[in-house]
Amino acid sequence: MDIPQYLFLDFEFTMPETKTEPNGFCPEIIEVGLVAVVDEQIVNQFSAYVKPLRFPQLTDRCKSFLNITQEQIDSGISFYELVTLLRQYDRERPTTVVTWGSMDMKVLRENCQSAQVAFPFTGEHRDLALEYKRFFGNKNQTALRKAVQEYGNEGIGNAHCALDDAFTAYTIFRLIENDKKYLAKTKPPTLGERIDFTQLRKKFAL
C-alpha cells in the first residue's frame, strides 16, 4: 500500500481595484506554491505563476499588494496546466491537501467550474487555520505568519509568496502535530504509577 502524502498548498489570487471595478470580478489563481511530504520527508516542491482566464490584466492594487508584475503573470503556466499538475499529485498516492484557511480550495473549485474542468483532488482536505483555532480555543482565525510567531518561530521567506507560505504552513503543521502527540502521551498517572508499593512494603517491614 502506498504511504499517504501531505500536499501543503498555497495560492495567491487576483484582486479587484475597487468593490465595483472591474465589473463582475471573481478571484482567480495567479500563483501556486506546493510542498509534497511523504513519511515526514519533503519529496517535492513546486512554484509557478498562473495566467488567469477571465481577467488576464492585473489591477494596480493587485500588483502593488503582491509585489508582482503583469509580465511575470503573462509568462506563467495556464490554469489548465495547473489543474493537470495537481491531478498528477493526487493520482500518485493517497493525498491529503493542507491549506491555511478555506479560501484556497474554494477559489480552486470556483475556477475549475468556470473553466469547465474537473476538480483535481479526491482525498481529504485539512484547514490548518481552523485546526489551530480549535486547538488553542481562539475566537478568531489567526493569520499564518502570526500563528508561527506565537510558536516563537518566524515564517519562511516572504509573506504572500505562495511557495514560502506553503513551507510556513508545513512548519506550523509539524508544531501542532507534535503538540497533539505530547498531549496524548501526558495522561494522568494511575495510583499504582504514583506510588511504588514494593518500596512501601519494604519500609514498613523494617
C-alpha atoms as a PDB file:
ATOM      1  CA  MET A   1       0.000   0.000   0.000  1.00  0.00           C
ATOM      2  CA  ASP A   2       1.265   3.473  -0.882  1.00  0.00           C
ATOM      3  CA  ILE A   3       2.347   5.696   2.003  1.00  0.00           C
ATOM      4  CA  PRO A   4      -0.047   8.680   2.236  1.00  0.00           C
ATOM      5  CA  GLN A   5       1.102  12.083   1.020  1.00  0.00           C
ATOM      6  CA  TYR A   6       0.509  15.518   2.521  1.00  0.00           C
ATOM      7  CA  LEU A   7       0.321  18.323  -0.016  1.00  0.00           C
ATOM      8  CA  PHE A   8       0.850  21.758   1.562  1.00  0.00           C
ATOM      9  CA  LEU A   9      -0.721  24.149  -0.891  1.00  0.00           C
ATOM     10  CA  ASP A  10      -0.919  27.922  -1.155  1.00  0.00           C
ATOM     11  CA  PHE A  11      -2.367  30.158  -3.864  1.00  0.00           C
ATOM     12  CA  GLU A  12      -2.238  33.881  -4.479  1.00  0.00           C
ATOM     13  CA  PHE A  13      -5.251  35.428  -6.196  1.00  0.00           C
ATOM     14  CA  THR A  14      -6.185  38.349  -8.402  1.00  0.00           C
ATOM     15  CA  MET A  15      -7.691  41.334  -6.588  1.00  0.00           C
ATOM     16  CA  PRO A  16     -10.253  43.915  -7.756  1.00  0.00           C
ATOM     17  CA  GLU A  17      -9.304  47.585  -7.924  1.00  0.00           C
ATOM     18  CA  THR A  18     -12.440  48.590  -6.025  1.00  0.00           C
ATOM     19  CA  LYS A  19     -15.658  46.887  -4.885  1.00  0.00           C
ATOM     20  CA  THR A  20     -17.252  47.550  -8.270  1.00  0.00           C
ATOM     21  CA  GLU A  21     -14.262  47.528 -10.628  1.00  0.00           C
ATOM     22  CA  PRO A  22     -13.747  45.522 -12.738  1.00  0.00           C
ATOM     23  CA  ASN A  23     -17.380  44.636 -13.297  1.00  0.00           C
ATOM     24  CA  GLY A  24     -18.279  41.021 -12.497  1.00  0.00           C
ATOM     25  CA  PHE A  25     -14.917  40.377 -10.875  1.00  0.00           C
ATOM     26  CA  CYS A  26     -14.125  36.997  -9.311  1.00  0.00           C
ATOM     27  CA  PRO A  27     -10.788  35.960  -7.756  1.00  0.00           C
ATOM     28  CA  GLU A  28      -8.531  33.771  -9.881  1.00  0.00           C
ATOM     29  CA  ILE A  29      -5.344  31.876  -9.013  1.00  0.00           C
ATOM     30  CA  ILE A  30      -2.216  33.656 -10.251  1.00  0.00           C
ATOM     31  CA  GLU A  31       0.493  31.912  -8.220  1.00  0.00           C
ATOM     32  CA  VAL A  32       0.869  28.412  -6.808  1.00  0.00           C
ATOM     33  CA  GLY A  33       3.260  27.069  -4.205  1.00  0.00           C
ATOM     34  CA  LEU A  34       3.215  23.481  -3.003  1.00  0.00           C
ATOM     35  CA  VAL A  35       5.289  21.232  -0.786  1.00  0.00           C
ATOM     36  CA  ALA A  36       4.768  17.458  -1.004  1.00  0.00           C
ATOM     37  CA  VAL A  37       5.585  15.446   2.134  1.00  0.00           C
ATOM     38  CA  VAL A  38       5.702  11.644   2.422  1.00  0.00           C
ATOM     39  CA  ASP A  39       6.647   9.869   5.642  1.00  0.00           C
ATOM     40  CA  GLU A  40       7.665  13.223   7.196  1.00  0.00           C
ATOM     41  CA  GLN A  41      10.124  13.888   4.364  1.00  0.00           C
ATOM     42  CA  ILE A  42       9.797  16.633   1.743  1.00  0.00           C
ATOM     43  CA  VAL A  43       9.757  14.768  -1.576  1.00  0.00           C
ATOM     44  CA  ASN A  44       8.895  17.625  -3.927  1.00  0.00           C
ATOM     45  CA  GLN A  45       8.213  21.322  -4.160  1.00  0.00           C
ATOM     46  CA  PHE A  46       6.848  23.478  -6.952  1.00  0.00           C
ATOM     47  CA  SER A  47       6.022  27.098  -7.625  1.00  0.00           C
ATOM     48  CA  ALA A  48       4.800  28.976 -10.681  1.00  0.00           C
ATOM     49  CA  TYR A  49       2.816  31.959 -11.789  1.00  0.00           C
ATOM     50  CA  VAL A  50      -0.541  31.177 -13.375  1.00  0.00           C
ATOM     51  CA  LYS A  51      -2.306  33.089 -16.144  1.00  0.00           C
ATOM     52  CA  PRO A  52      -5.888  33.996 -15.166  1.00  0.00           C
ATOM     53  CA  LEU A  53      -8.596  33.196 -17.701  1.00  0.00           C
ATOM     54  CA  ARG A  54     -11.403  35.680 -17.071  1.00  0.00           C
ATOM     55  CA  PHE A  55      -9.470  38.793 -16.043  1.00  0.00           C
ATOM     56  CA  PRO A  56      -5.983  38.436 -17.561  1.00  0.00           C
ATOM     57  CA  GLN A  57      -4.958  42.021 -16.773  1.00  0.00           C
ATOM     58  CA  LEU A  58      -3.962  42.532 -13.154  1.00  0.00           C
ATOM     59  CA  THR A  59      -5.265  45.570 -11.309  1.00  0.00           C
ATOM     60  CA  ASP A  60      -2.797  48.096  -9.919  1.00  0.00           C
ATOM     61  CA  ARG A  61      -3.946  47.183  -6.418  1.00  0.00           C
ATOM     62  CA  CYS A  62      -3.146  43.509  -7.002  1.00  0.00           C
ATOM     63  CA  LYS A  63       0.307  44.219  -8.460  1.00  0.00           C
ATOM     64  CA  SER A  64       1.153  46.510  -5.558  1.00  0.00           C
ATOM     65  CA  PHE A  65      -0.147  44.218  -2.803  1.00  0.00           C
ATOM     66  CA  LEU A  66       1.556  41.068  -4.118  1.00  0.00           C
ATOM     67  CA  ASN A  67       4.626  42.879  -5.483  1.00  0.00           C
ATOM     68  CA  ILE A  68       4.038  41.193  -8.828  1.00  0.00           C
ATOM     69  CA  THR A  69       4.231  42.336 -12.455  1.00  0.00           C
ATOM     70  CA  GLN A  70       1.998  41.728 -15.433  1.00  0.00           C
ATOM     71  CA  GLU A  71       4.999  40.273 -17.290  1.00  0.00           C
ATOM     72  CA  GLN A  72       5.506  37.616 -14.605  1.00  0.00           C
ATOM     73  CA  ILE A  73       1.893  36.528 -14.912  1.00  0.00           C
ATOM     74  CA  ASP A  74       1.920  36.598 -18.713  1.00  0.00           C
ATOM     75  CA  SER A  75       4.878  34.194 -18.706  1.00  0.00           C
ATOM     76  CA  GLY A  76       3.201  31.786 -16.262  1.00  0.00           C
ATOM     77  CA  ILE A  77       1.579  28.415 -16.843  1.00  0.00           C
ATOM     78  CA  SER A  78      -2.054  28.147 -17.913  1.00  0.00           C
ATOM     79  CA  PHE A  79      -4.782  27.299 -15.425  1.00  0.00           C
ATOM     80  CA  TYR A  80      -5.313  24.017 -17.287  1.00  0.00           C
ATOM     81  CA  GLU A  81      -1.641  23.127 -16.787  1.00  0.00           C
ATOM     82  CA  LEU A  82      -2.034  23.871 -13.075  1.00  0.00           C
ATOM     83  CA  VAL A  83      -5.030  21.537 -12.755  1.00  0.00           C
ATOM     84  CA  THR A  84      -3.187  18.777 -14.651  1.00  0.00           C
ATOM     85  CA  LEU A  85      -0.208  19.138 -12.305  1.00  0.00           C
ATOM     86  CA  LEU A  86      -2.372  18.970  -9.173  1.00  0.00           C
ATOM     87  CA  ARG A  87      -4.214  15.941 -10.533  1.00  0.00           C
ATOM     88  CA  GLN A  88      -0.882  14.135 -11.023  1.00  0.00           C
ATOM     89  CA  TYR A  89      -0.036  14.613  -7.350  1.00  0.00           C
ATOM     90  CA  ASP A  90      -3.454  13.294  -6.386  1.00  0.00           C
ATOM     91  CA  ARG A  91      -3.036  10.185  -8.546  1.00  0.00           C
ATOM     92  CA  GLU A  92       0.469   9.264  -7.348  1.00  0.00           C
ATOM     93  CA  ARG A  93      -0.640   8.149  -3.864  1.00  0.00           C
ATOM     94  CA  PRO A  94      -3.397   8.825  -1.293  1.00  0.00           C
ATOM     95  CA  THR A  95      -3.185  12.586  -0.800  1.00  0.00           C
ATOM     96  CA  THR A  96      -4.354  14.925   1.953  1.00  0.00           C
ATOM     97  CA  VAL A  97      -4.313  18.576   0.934  1.00  0.00           C
ATOM     98  CA  VAL A  98      -3.396  21.003   3.731  1.00  0.00           C
ATOM     99  CA  THR A  99      -4.073  24.748   3.420  1.00  0.00           C
ATOM    100  CA  TRP A 100      -4.149  27.667   5.823  1.00  0.00           C
ATOM    101  CA  GLY A 101      -7.816  28.637   5.682  1.00  0.00           C
ATOM    102  CA  SER A 102     -10.598  27.571   3.340  1.00  0.00           C
ATOM    103  CA  MET A 103     -10.107  30.190   0.627  1.00  0.00           C
ATOM    104  CA  ASP A 104      -7.559  28.246  -1.459  1.00  0.00           C
ATOM    105  CA  MET A 105      -9.843  25.268  -2.057  1.00  0.00           C
ATOM    106  CA  LYS A 106     -12.897  27.498  -2.514  1.00  0.00           C
ATOM    107  CA  VAL A 107     -11.268  29.568  -5.269  1.00  0.00           C
ATOM    108  CA  LEU A 108      -9.740  26.481  -6.911  1.00  0.00           C
ATOM    109  CA  ARG A 109     -13.165  24.852  -7.031  1.00  0.00           C
ATOM    110  CA  GLU A 110     -14.789  28.012  -8.449  1.00  0.00           C
ATOM    111  CA  ASN A 111     -12.014  28.432 -11.034  1.00  0.00           C
ATOM    112  CA  CYS A 112     -12.435  24.793 -12.118  1.00  0.00           C
ATOM    113  CA  GLN A 113     -16.170  25.282 -12.544  1.00  0.00           C
ATOM    114  CA  SER A 114     -15.606  28.459 -14.558  1.00  0.00           C
ATOM    115  CA  ALA A 115     -13.034  26.713 -16.785  1.00  0.00           C
ATOM    116  CA  GLN A 116     -15.254  23.615 -17.031  1.00  0.00           C
ATOM    117  CA  VAL A 117     -12.583  21.224 -15.784  1.00  0.00           C
ATOM    118  CA  ALA A 118     -12.888  18.601 -13.050  1.00  0.00           C
ATOM    119  CA  PHE A 119     -11.679  19.429  -9.546  1.00  0.00           C
ATOM    120  CA  PRO A 120      -8.239  17.745  -9.272  1.00  0.00           C
ATOM    121  CA  PHE A 121      -8.388  16.366  -5.719  1.00  0.00           C
ATOM    122  CA  THR A 122     -10.243  13.281  -4.496  1.00  0.00           C
ATOM    123  CA  GLY A 123      -8.897  12.890  -0.946  1.00  0.00           C
ATOM    124  CA  GLU A 124      -9.185  14.710   2.365  1.00  0.00           C
ATOM    125  CA  HIS A 125      -8.686  18.463   2.825  1.00  0.00           C
ATOM    126  CA  ARG A 126      -7.445  19.862   6.125  1.00  0.00           C
ATOM    127  CA  ASP A 127      -7.915  23.522   7.002  1.00  0.00           C
ATOM    128  CA  LEU A 128      -4.922  24.136   9.254  1.00  0.00           C
ATOM    129  CA  ALA A 129      -6.141  27.589  10.344  1.00  0.00           C
ATOM    130  CA  LEU A 130      -9.355  26.027  11.660  1.00  0.00           C
ATOM    131  CA  GLU A 131      -7.401  23.279  13.449  1.00  0.00           C
ATOM    132  CA  TYR A 132      -5.138  25.911  15.028  1.00  0.00           C
ATOM    133  CA  LYS A 133      -8.156  27.947  16.141  1.00  0.00           C
ATOM    134  CA  ARG A 134      -9.821  24.921  17.768  1.00  0.00           C
ATOM    135  CA  PHE A 135      -6.599  23.588  19.294  1.00  0.00           C
ATOM    136  CA  PHE A 136      -5.875  26.829  21.139  1.00  0.00           C
ATOM    137  CA  GLY A 137      -9.508  27.787  21.739  1.00  0.00           C
ATOM    138  CA  ASN A 138      -9.207  31.065  19.847  1.00  0.00           C
ATOM    139  CA  LYS A 139     -12.326  33.005  18.924  1.00  0.00           C
ATOM    140  CA  ASN A 140     -10.955  34.388  15.685  1.00  0.00           C
ATOM    141  CA  GLN A 141      -8.860  32.879  12.926  1.00  0.00           C
ATOM    142  CA  THR A 142      -5.174  33.726  13.240  1.00  0.00           C
ATOM    143  CA  ALA A 143      -3.110  34.828  10.252  1.00  0.00           C
ATOM    144  CA  LEU A 144      -0.487  32.306   9.106  1.00  0.00           C
ATOM    145  CA  ARG A 145       2.585  34.398   9.943  1.00  0.00           C
ATOM    146  CA  LYS A 146       1.169  35.461  13.321  1.00  0.00           C
ATOM    147  CA  ALA A 147       0.448  31.833  14.221  1.00  0.00           C
ATOM    148  CA  VAL A 148       4.067  30.861  13.558  1.00  0.00           C
ATOM    149  CA  GLN A 149       5.280  33.809  15.638  1.00  0.00           C
ATOM    150  CA  GLU A 150       3.054  32.696  18.515  1.00  0.00           C
ATOM    151  CA  TYR A 151       5.093  29.485  18.481  1.00  0.00           C
ATOM    152  CA  GLY A 152       8.268  31.548  18.761  1.00  0.00           C
ATOM    153  CA  ASN A 153       9.266  30.992  15.127  1.00  0.00           C
ATOM    154  CA  GLU A 154       9.349  33.152  12.033  1.00  0.00           C
ATOM    155  CA  GLY A 155       7.653  32.404   8.746  1.00  0.00           C
ATOM    156  CA  ILE A 156       9.674  31.100   5.806  1.00  0.00           C
ATOM    157  CA  GLY A 157      10.723  33.768   3.281  1.00  0.00           C
ATOM    158  CA  ASN A 158       8.213  36.433   2.285  1.00  0.00           C
ATOM    159  CA  ALA A 159       4.529  36.687   3.102  1.00  0.00           C
ATOM    160  CA  HIS A 160       2.248  36.401   0.051  1.00  0.00           C
ATOM    161  CA  CYS A 161       4.848  34.397  -1.827  1.00  0.00           C
ATOM    162  CA  ALA A 162       2.971  31.156  -2.487  1.00  0.00           C
ATOM    163  CA  LEU A 163       5.873  28.734  -2.019  1.00  0.00           C
ATOM    164  CA  ASP A 164       7.149  30.499   1.109  1.00  0.00           C
ATOM    165  CA  ASP A 165       3.648  30.399   2.604  1.00  0.00           C
ATOM    166  CA  ALA A 166       3.324  26.699   1.740  1.00  0.00           C
ATOM    167  CA  PHE A 167       6.590  25.999   3.586  1.00  0.00           C
ATOM    168  CA  THR A 168       5.383  28.114   6.514  1.00  0.00           C
ATOM    169  CA  ALA A 169       2.152  26.084   6.655  1.00  0.00           C
ATOM    170  CA  TYR A 170       4.220  22.897   6.750  1.00  0.00           C
ATOM    171  CA  THR A 171       6.304  24.344   9.603  1.00  0.00           C
ATOM    172  CA  ILE A 172       3.284  25.094  11.771  1.00  0.00           C
ATOM    173  CA  PHE A 173       1.663  21.775  10.850  1.00  0.00           C
ATOM    174  CA  ARG A 174       4.631  19.948  12.371  1.00  0.00           C
ATOM    175  CA  LEU A 175       4.494  22.115  15.506  1.00  0.00           C
ATOM    176  CA  ILE A 176       0.780  21.437  16.033  1.00  0.00           C
ATOM    177  CA  GLU A 177       1.150  17.706  15.354  1.00  0.00           C
ATOM    178  CA  ASN A 178       3.994  17.497  17.892  1.00  0.00           C
ATOM    179  CA  ASP A 179       1.838  19.259  20.491  1.00  0.00           C
ATOM    180  CA  LYS A 180      -1.018  16.832  19.829  1.00  0.00           C
ATOM    181  CA  LYS A 181       1.322  13.859  20.325  1.00  0.00           C
ATOM    182  CA  TYR A 182       2.689  15.368  23.529  1.00  0.00           C
ATOM    183  CA  LEU A 183      -0.785  15.921  24.972  1.00  0.00           C
ATOM    184  CA  ALA A 184      -1.836  12.397  24.025  1.00  0.00           C
ATOM    185  CA  LYS A 185       1.137  10.973  25.956  1.00  0.00           C
ATOM    186  CA  THR A 186       0.646  13.046  29.114  1.00  0.00           C
ATOM    187  CA  LYS A 187      -2.345  11.200  30.604  1.00  0.00           C
ATOM    188  CA  PRO A 188      -2.772  11.426  34.384  1.00  0.00           C
ATOM    189  CA  PRO A 189      -0.804   8.648  36.159  1.00  0.00           C
ATOM    190  CA  THR A 190      -2.681   5.883  37.947  1.00  0.00           C
ATOM    191  CA  LEU A 191      -2.338   5.414  41.695  1.00  0.00           C
ATOM    192  CA  GLY A 192      -0.050   2.442  41.069  1.00  0.00           C
ATOM    193  CA  GLU A 193       2.223   4.594  38.892  1.00  0.00           C
ATOM    194  CA  ARG A 194       2.426   7.335  41.515  1.00  0.00           C
ATOM    195  CA  ILE A 195       3.265   5.013  44.444  1.00  0.00           C
ATOM    196  CA  ASP A 196       5.780   2.195  44.410  1.00  0.00           C
ATOM    197  CA  PHE A 197       4.055  -0.293  46.693  1.00  0.00           C
ATOM    198  CA  THR A 198       7.075  -2.633  46.786  1.00  0.00           C
ATOM    199  CA  GLN A 199       9.147   0.129  48.385  1.00  0.00           C
ATOM    200  CA  LEU A 200       6.352   0.838  50.861  1.00  0.00           C
ATOM    201  CA  ARG A 201       6.232  -2.795  51.910  1.00  0.00           C
ATOM    202  CA  LYS A 202       9.998  -2.851  52.469  1.00  0.00           C
ATOM    203  CA  LYS A 203       9.783   0.332  54.556  1.00  0.00           C
ATOM    204  CA  PHE A 204       7.092  -0.985  56.900  1.00  0.00           C
ATOM    205  CA  ALA A 205       8.690  -4.434  57.133  1.00  0.00           C
ATOM    206  CA  LEU A 206      11.727  -2.941  58.858  1.00  0.00           C
END
